[in-house]
Amino acid sequence: SPLPNTLQSVAGVVGAQGRFGDSWRARIEALPGIYSDFSDISGEDITSPVVLEGAYLVHDDLEIGAQLMLNPFRSSKVIGTLGVTWLIDDYWKLEFWLPRPQIEYSISEDLTLFAGGSLGGGSFRVAEDFGDSVGRPNLNSELVDFREIRAGAGARFNVGGSITAELAAGWIFDRRFEFHRRDLTANGDGAPYV
């Protein structure tokens, strides 16, 4: 398969978050960095995905909102989603926000169990000679979108202060690599993860 051995990113996080009135919340987050296979890094590997989020607090236990995710490298430059946070009671919480929708159960202030899904991935540029190495010269210096869909469960433990440890396991249902400008898609098999 014409797939790179690795896809990596090194990025910073720059953003702001604020509340407006008693009910509105907004967040902007940019992740400027290098998104590449790290075979030959150049200025073409630099981009900055951006997340815009707005939410409305319906009441103390329910918040609804929307997100826009912008990525100049991705085939779909803008993706919008809706989200909800619902504190069902003192123990249960529904966090339905991408990329990690889940339901949580708090055993104590320090220990929370969770189950749900996650949507991972990103968009990366491959090396100038990547296509030559796999017998597909038209893939040289191309953009590839990577997507992974998981479902699983785990536990989160507050170690102390703002430090948290997490252990999760489950199944990867879909792993996809898409060279969108060349109309080439490679699908991976399912696999367990820890």
Foldseek 3Di string as FASTA:
>chain_A
DLDQPDWDKDWDKDKDKDADPPWKIKIKIKTWTFTESPPDDDPLRTWIKMKIKMWTPPDPFKIKIKMWIATPLDPPRIDMDIWMWGPPDPFWIFGGDPQWTWIWGDPDPFKIKIWTKGKDWAKGWYAQCSCVVVVRNVNGRAMKTKIWIWTWIWMWGDPDDPDIDIDIKGKTCWIKIARPVVRDIDIDHMDIDD
